[in-house]
Protein backbone atom coordinates (compact mmCIF):
# COMPACT_ATOMS: atom_id res chain seq x y z
CA MET A 1 301.22 107.48 -30.03
CA THR A 2 299.08 104.61 -31.29
CA LEU A 3 298.70 104.11 -35.04
CA THR A 4 295.32 102.81 -36.17
CA ASP A 5 294.93 103.03 -39.96
CA ASN A 6 291.20 102.36 -39.92
CA ALA A 7 290.52 104.97 -37.22
CA PRO A 8 292.82 107.93 -37.86
CA GLU A 9 290.61 110.20 -35.81
CA ALA A 10 291.75 108.28 -32.69
CA LEU A 11 295.41 109.18 -33.12
CA THR A 12 296.98 111.29 -30.41
CA ALA A 13 300.40 112.82 -29.86
CA ARG A 14 302.28 114.56 -27.08
CA ALA A 15 303.52 118.06 -27.83
CA LEU A 16 305.76 120.49 -25.99
CA TRP A 17 304.27 123.88 -25.11
CA TYR A 18 306.01 127.00 -23.79
CA ASP A 19 303.81 128.97 -21.39
CA GLY A 20 305.49 132.33 -22.08
CA HIS A 21 306.60 132.67 -18.44
CA GLY A 22 309.61 130.35 -18.49
CA GLY A 23 307.67 127.11 -18.08
CA VAL A 24 307.42 124.03 -20.30
CA ALA A 25 304.63 121.44 -20.42
CA LEU A 26 303.76 118.33 -22.42
CA ARG A 27 300.20 118.13 -23.69
CA GLU A 28 298.41 115.16 -25.22
CA GLU A 29 296.30 116.24 -28.15
CA PRO A 30 294.47 114.77 -31.15
CA LEU A 31 296.59 114.17 -34.21
CA ALA A 32 294.31 115.25 -37.02
CA ARG A 33 294.94 113.56 -40.35
CA GLU A 34 292.22 114.62 -42.75
CA ASP A 35 293.92 113.06 -45.78
CA PRO A 36 294.78 109.37 -45.21
CA LEU A 37 297.60 109.72 -47.72
CA GLU A 38 299.28 112.55 -45.82
CA PRO A 39 302.55 111.29 -44.29
CA LEU A 40 302.54 110.43 -40.61
CA VAL A 41 305.95 110.79 -38.93
CA ARG A 42 307.12 109.34 -35.64
CA THR A 43 309.73 111.73 -34.23
CA LEU A 44 313.15 110.42 -33.23
CA PHE A 45 314.92 113.69 -32.34
CA SER A 46 314.24 117.40 -32.43
CA GLY A 47 316.69 120.24 -32.07
CA VAL A 48 316.19 123.18 -29.73
CA SER A 49 317.21 126.55 -31.13
CA ARG A 50 318.65 127.85 -27.90
CA GLY A 51 318.61 131.58 -28.57
CA THR A 52 315.21 131.77 -30.23
CA GLU A 53 313.47 129.30 -27.94
CA ARG A 54 314.86 131.01 -24.85
CA LEU A 55 312.96 134.11 -25.99
CA VAL A 56 309.84 132.09 -26.82
CA CYS A 57 309.94 130.25 -23.49
CA GLY A 58 310.15 133.53 -21.58
CA GLY A 59 307.48 135.31 -23.64
CA ARG A 60 310.01 137.80 -25.00
CA VAL A 61 309.11 137.76 -28.68
CA PRO A 62 308.22 141.41 -29.43
CA GLU A 63 304.65 142.00 -30.53
CA SER A 64 305.87 143.54 -33.79
CA GLU A 65 307.41 140.15 -34.70
CA TRP A 66 304.60 137.82 -33.68
CA ARG A 67 303.53 137.17 -37.26
CA ARG A 68 307.04 136.83 -38.72
CA MET A 69 308.23 134.58 -35.88
CA ARG A 70 305.48 132.00 -36.31
CA ALA A 71 306.98 128.57 -36.90
CA PRO A 72 305.51 126.13 -39.44
CA ARG A 73 302.69 124.15 -37.80
CA GLN A 74 302.89 126.34 -34.69
CA GLU A 75 299.82 126.35 -32.45
CA GLY A 76 298.92 128.99 -29.90
CA GLU A 77 299.83 132.65 -30.04
CA PHE A 78 302.70 134.70 -28.68
CA PRO A 79 303.57 135.52 -25.98
CA GLY A 80 302.17 132.11 -24.99
CA PRO A 81 301.21 129.41 -24.39
CA VAL A 82 302.60 128.30 -27.72
CA LYS A 83 303.68 125.07 -29.40
CA TYR A 84 306.99 125.91 -31.05
CA GLY A 85 310.09 124.39 -32.64
CA TYR A 86 311.36 123.87 -36.17
CA ALA A 87 313.87 121.02 -36.29
CA ALA A 88 312.15 117.64 -36.14
CA VAL A 89 313.65 114.43 -37.48
CA GLY A 90 311.69 111.20 -37.67
CA ARG A 91 310.60 108.17 -39.65
CA VAL A 92 307.57 108.10 -41.94
CA GLU A 93 305.20 105.40 -40.67
CA ALA A 94 302.20 105.96 -42.94
CA GLY A 95 301.44 107.80 -46.13
CA PRO A 96 302.74 107.59 -49.72
CA SER A 97 304.59 104.36 -50.47
CA ASP A 98 307.69 106.20 -51.70
CA LEU A 99 308.10 107.85 -48.27
CA GLN A 100 307.12 105.03 -45.91
CA GLY A 101 310.06 103.98 -43.76
CA ARG A 102 312.23 106.94 -44.79
CA LEU A 103 314.02 109.24 -42.38
CA VAL A 104 312.99 112.86 -42.90
CA PHE A 105 313.61 116.36 -41.56
CA CYS A 106 310.69 118.73 -41.11
CA LEU A 107 310.24 122.29 -39.87
CA SER A 108 307.82 121.22 -37.17
CA PRO A 109 307.34 121.78 -33.41
CA HIS A 110 308.57 119.46 -30.66
CA GLN A 111 306.04 116.61 -30.76
CA ASP A 112 306.41 112.83 -30.61
CA ALA A 113 304.42 112.32 -33.83
CA PHE A 114 303.05 114.65 -36.48
CA SER A 115 301.36 114.73 -39.85
CA ALA A 116 302.61 117.04 -42.60
CA PRO A 117 302.31 117.39 -46.37
CA ALA A 118 304.88 115.42 -48.34
CA SER A 119 306.19 118.71 -49.72
CA ALA A 120 307.22 119.75 -46.18
CA LEU A 121 309.33 116.65 -45.61
CA HIS A 122 313.02 116.54 -46.56
CA PRO A 123 314.48 113.03 -46.88
CA LEU A 124 317.87 112.66 -45.20
CA PRO A 125 320.90 111.83 -47.37
CA PRO A 126 321.69 108.10 -47.33
CA GLY A 127 323.60 107.07 -44.23
CA MET A 128 323.13 110.36 -42.39
CA PRO A 129 322.63 109.91 -38.62
CA PRO A 130 319.16 111.25 -37.78
CA ARG A 131 320.41 112.91 -34.58
CA ARG A 132 322.81 115.14 -36.52
CA ALA A 133 320.04 116.18 -38.90
CA VAL A 134 318.41 118.32 -36.18
CA LEU A 135 321.12 120.89 -37.01
CA ALA A 136 319.67 121.44 -40.49
CA ALA A 137 317.81 124.66 -39.62
CA ASN A 138 320.92 126.06 -37.90
CA MET A 139 323.07 125.08 -40.88
CA GLU A 140 320.62 126.90 -43.17
CA THR A 141 321.14 130.01 -41.04
CA ALA A 142 324.92 129.68 -41.25
CA LEU A 143 324.86 129.06 -45.01
CA ASN A 144 322.58 132.05 -45.60
CA ALA A 145 324.90 134.26 -43.56
CA LEU A 146 327.89 133.07 -45.57
CA TRP A 147 326.08 134.11 -48.75
CA ASP A 148 325.12 137.46 -47.19
CA SER A 149 328.75 138.13 -46.23
CA GLY A 150 330.33 137.74 -49.64
CA ALA A 151 333.23 135.82 -48.03
CA GLY A 152 335.64 134.31 -50.50
CA ALA A 153 338.90 132.41 -50.88
CA CYS A 154 341.86 133.57 -48.78
CA ASP A 155 339.79 135.98 -46.66
CA ARG A 156 340.58 136.63 -43.02
CA ALA A 157 337.31 135.89 -41.20
CA VAL A 158 336.23 136.37 -37.58
CA VAL A 159 333.17 134.82 -35.92
CA VAL A 160 332.18 136.46 -32.64
CA GLY A 161 330.06 134.06 -30.60
CA GLY A 162 330.85 130.34 -30.36
CA GLY A 163 327.31 129.03 -30.11
CA VAL A 164 325.88 126.44 -32.50
CA VAL A 165 325.20 128.87 -35.35
CA GLY A 166 328.52 130.67 -34.94
CA LEU A 167 330.46 127.41 -34.93
CA LEU A 168 328.58 126.12 -37.97
CA ALA A 169 329.49 129.33 -39.79
CA ALA A 170 333.11 128.86 -38.75
CA GLY A 171 333.02 125.27 -40.03
CA LEU A 172 331.77 126.43 -43.43
CA LEU A 173 334.32 129.24 -43.62
CA SER A 174 337.17 126.88 -42.76
CA ARG A 175 336.39 124.88 -45.91
CA LEU A 176 336.85 127.86 -48.24
CA PRO A 177 340.30 127.78 -49.90
CA GLY A 178 342.93 129.68 -47.95
CA VAL A 179 340.53 131.27 -45.47
CA GLU A 180 341.82 132.03 -41.97
CA VAL A 181 338.93 131.92 -39.50
CA THR A 182 338.96 132.73 -35.80
CA VAL A 183 336.13 132.09 -33.34
CA VAL A 184 335.93 134.69 -30.55
CA ASP A 185 334.15 133.74 -27.33
CA LEU A 186 334.30 134.34 -23.59
CA ASP A 187 334.08 130.60 -22.85
CA GLU A 188 337.47 128.92 -23.11
CA ARG A 189 335.65 125.59 -23.49
CA ARG A 190 334.72 126.64 -27.03
CA ARG A 191 338.40 126.48 -28.06
CA ALA A 192 338.47 122.72 -28.62
CA LEU A 193 335.26 122.86 -30.65
CA ALA A 194 336.52 125.73 -32.81
CA GLU A 195 339.76 123.90 -33.49
CA ALA A 196 337.90 120.66 -34.32
CA LEU A 197 336.00 122.64 -36.95
CA GLY A 198 339.17 124.01 -38.50
CA ALA A 199 339.20 127.45 -36.85
CA ASP A 200 341.46 129.30 -34.45
CA PHE A 201 340.14 130.61 -31.13
CA ALA A 202 340.58 133.87 -29.25
CA ALA A 203 339.15 135.57 -26.17
CA PRO A 204 337.44 138.93 -26.85
CA GLY A 205 340.46 140.93 -25.70
CA GLU A 206 342.63 139.05 -28.19
CA ALA A 207 340.28 139.16 -31.17
CA PRO A 208 342.03 139.67 -34.52
CA ARG A 209 341.85 143.04 -36.23
CA ASP A 210 341.66 144.03 -39.91
CA ALA A 211 339.40 141.11 -40.83
CA ASP A 212 337.94 140.97 -44.32
CA VAL A 213 334.59 139.70 -43.06
CA VAL A 214 333.13 139.39 -39.55
CA PHE A 215 330.11 137.43 -38.29
CA HIS A 216 328.41 138.40 -35.04
CA ALA A 217 326.48 135.61 -33.31
CA SER A 218 326.79 136.29 -29.58
CA ALA A 219 323.45 138.13 -29.11
CA THR A 220 325.17 140.69 -26.85
CA ALA A 221 326.06 144.36 -27.24
CA ALA A 222 329.62 143.63 -26.12
CA GLY A 223 329.95 140.97 -28.81
CA LEU A 224 328.72 143.36 -31.48
CA ALA A 225 331.29 145.94 -30.34
CA THR A 226 333.99 143.29 -30.61
CA ALA A 227 332.81 142.36 -34.10
CA LEU A 228 332.95 145.98 -35.30
CA ALA A 229 336.40 146.42 -33.78
CA SER A 230 337.64 143.32 -35.61
CA ALA A 231 336.57 144.57 -39.04
CA GLY A 232 339.14 145.99 -41.41
CA GLU A 233 338.79 148.94 -43.77
CA GLU A 234 335.47 148.75 -45.70
CA ALA A 235 334.83 145.24 -44.35
CA THR A 236 331.41 143.68 -43.88
CA VAL A 237 330.04 142.75 -40.45
CA VAL A 238 327.14 140.28 -40.67
CA GLU A 239 324.70 140.45 -37.75
CA MET A 240 323.37 136.93 -37.19
CA SER A 241 321.97 137.40 -33.67
CA TRP A 242 318.31 137.95 -32.98
CA HIS A 243 317.79 140.04 -29.86
CA GLY A 244 314.03 139.70 -29.49
CA ALA A 245 312.44 142.64 -27.68
CA ASP A 246 315.79 143.94 -26.41
CA ASP A 247 317.36 147.15 -27.68
CA VAL A 248 321.09 146.79 -28.29
CA ALA A 249 323.67 149.56 -28.22
CA VAL A 250 325.64 149.76 -31.47
CA PRO A 251 328.99 151.61 -31.29
CA LEU A 252 328.78 153.75 -34.42
CA GLY A 253 331.20 156.40 -33.19
CA ARG A 254 335.01 156.46 -33.25
CA ALA A 255 336.28 155.04 -36.54
CA PHE A 256 333.08 153.32 -37.73
CA HIS A 257 332.45 155.85 -40.51
CA ALA A 258 336.11 156.58 -41.23
CA ARG A 259 336.67 152.89 -41.93
CA ARG A 260 333.46 152.77 -44.02
CA LEU A 261 332.26 149.56 -42.35
CA LYS A 262 329.16 147.76 -43.59
CA LEU A 263 326.77 146.29 -41.00
CA VAL A 264 324.53 143.73 -42.73
CA SER A 265 321.58 141.84 -41.26
CA SER A 266 321.17 138.16 -42.09
CA GLN A 267 317.86 136.41 -41.55
CA VAL A 268 317.01 132.89 -42.61
CA GLY A 269 313.35 133.61 -43.44
CA GLN A 270 314.38 134.45 -47.00
CA VAL A 271 317.17 133.12 -49.19
CA ALA A 272 320.07 135.58 -49.36
CA PRO A 273 319.60 138.14 -52.20
CA SER A 274 322.71 136.90 -54.02
CA ARG A 275 321.10 133.45 -54.44
CA ARG A 276 317.37 134.24 -54.38
CA PRO A 277 316.80 134.28 -58.17
CA ARG A 278 318.04 130.68 -58.44
CA TRP A 279 317.63 129.08 -55.01
CA SER A 280 314.42 128.04 -53.30
CA ALA A 281 314.17 127.49 -49.56
CA ARG A 282 313.82 123.76 -50.26
CA ARG A 283 317.04 123.68 -52.30
CA ARG A 284 318.83 125.56 -49.50
CA LEU A 285 317.63 123.09 -46.86
CA ALA A 286 318.72 120.15 -49.00
CA ALA A 287 322.15 121.77 -49.26
CA ALA A 288 322.27 122.20 -45.47
CA LEU A 289 321.50 118.51 -44.96
CA ALA A 290 324.17 117.51 -47.49
CA LEU A 291 326.76 119.68 -45.72
CA LEU A 292 325.92 118.07 -42.39
CA ALA A 293 325.92 114.55 -43.82
CA ALA A 294 329.47 115.00 -45.09
CA GLU A 295 331.01 115.97 -41.74
CA ASP A 296 331.03 113.77 -38.60
CA ARG A 297 332.64 116.65 -36.69
CA TYR A 298 329.29 118.46 -36.43
CA ASP A 299 328.13 115.81 -33.93
CA LEU A 300 330.32 117.63 -31.38
CA LEU A 301 327.87 120.53 -31.32
CA LEU A 302 325.04 118.41 -29.87
CA ASP A 303 326.36 118.00 -26.35
CA THR A 304 323.12 118.27 -24.34
CA GLU A 305 320.53 115.52 -24.79
CA ILE A 306 317.20 115.53 -22.95
CA ALA A 307 314.60 112.78 -23.03
CA PHE A 308 311.35 114.24 -24.35
CA GLU A 309 309.40 113.17 -21.27
CA ASP A 310 311.92 115.00 -19.05
CA ALA A 311 311.66 118.29 -20.97
CA PRO A 312 309.29 120.08 -18.55
CA ASP A 313 311.87 119.76 -15.76
CA ALA A 314 315.14 119.88 -17.72
CA LEU A 315 314.58 122.22 -20.67
CA PRO A 316 314.06 125.54 -18.79
CA GLY A 317 317.45 125.10 -17.14
CA ALA A 318 319.12 124.22 -20.43
CA LEU A 319 317.69 127.42 -21.96
CA ALA A 320 318.77 129.66 -19.09
CA PRO A 321 321.46 132.27 -19.88
CA GLY A 322 324.88 130.91 -18.97
CA ALA A 323 323.72 127.29 -18.85
CA ASP A 324 326.37 124.66 -19.47
CA GLY A 325 326.38 122.91 -22.79
CA LEU A 326 325.95 124.02 -26.35
CA GLY A 327 323.47 122.28 -28.66
CA VAL A 328 320.29 120.87 -27.09
CA VAL A 329 318.56 117.88 -28.66
CA LEU A 330 315.36 116.17 -27.49
CA ARG A 331 315.33 112.37 -27.74
CA TYR A 332 311.98 110.67 -28.27
CA ARG A 333 312.81 106.94 -28.21
């Protein structure tokens, strides 16, 4: 990107596009900036939401969800090609004087530079590493799910699915007084991460029973069955996974009704009902950034880094089911 203050119409940027058939491309495009005071941000890192963007990359967003699944500043239409992403972190290079030079988070697609209203930018807490800030959208999801669950002090909690969102939820739960939290996952490599975040670890066959609250984040039918089996009498199971166009079998037989279990959906598009009268989405995102800023341990979740220019070749493999690694971050400089 070349910045030319006296000729903003000449600005261009490179953006990542999913073709809807499993392919990724970088496109150079004009960077429109109708208002010369609108902030211009040079991107440093952006986070890839592995589960959601796997569906977007493969064109598997169901037609019924095309409107709801639009990302801020998205271009193109589902099933593709589409410019997608919602976890960009960069430095403001032009715009209002109080923002120039500041590091900010923005719900914006993968692009090496972008323009956005000042109201869409979230300054990072002082001293926060910009790379870690790409987890802000995921942390929002985990925080919202915690509110939806009603989890409290001294609960026995189980998180089924040791991906980024599941591990962030486990990290939050582990900070509640007296809570015992166990991460359940097929991948033994998740054990060290769970323990670093203050949680125990178990394989699905050894998942705890009689939990007070359970979070399901594996995006599989088997994981959901494990989550329901882990729940105690009248416990709440929070479904955090988004399955796209797939139908998922839910085991509602056996003792599901006898134990009076509650299966609750959690979706980050709205603030949880328990907080909605007082919390805005902006306040929630600021809280997510503050939580991340306070904990160096969350850096462990970003274990796959891809240079932006290498994304067309490397990103499809990183998004493939069963791919090694956990959190994917694109590096721009």
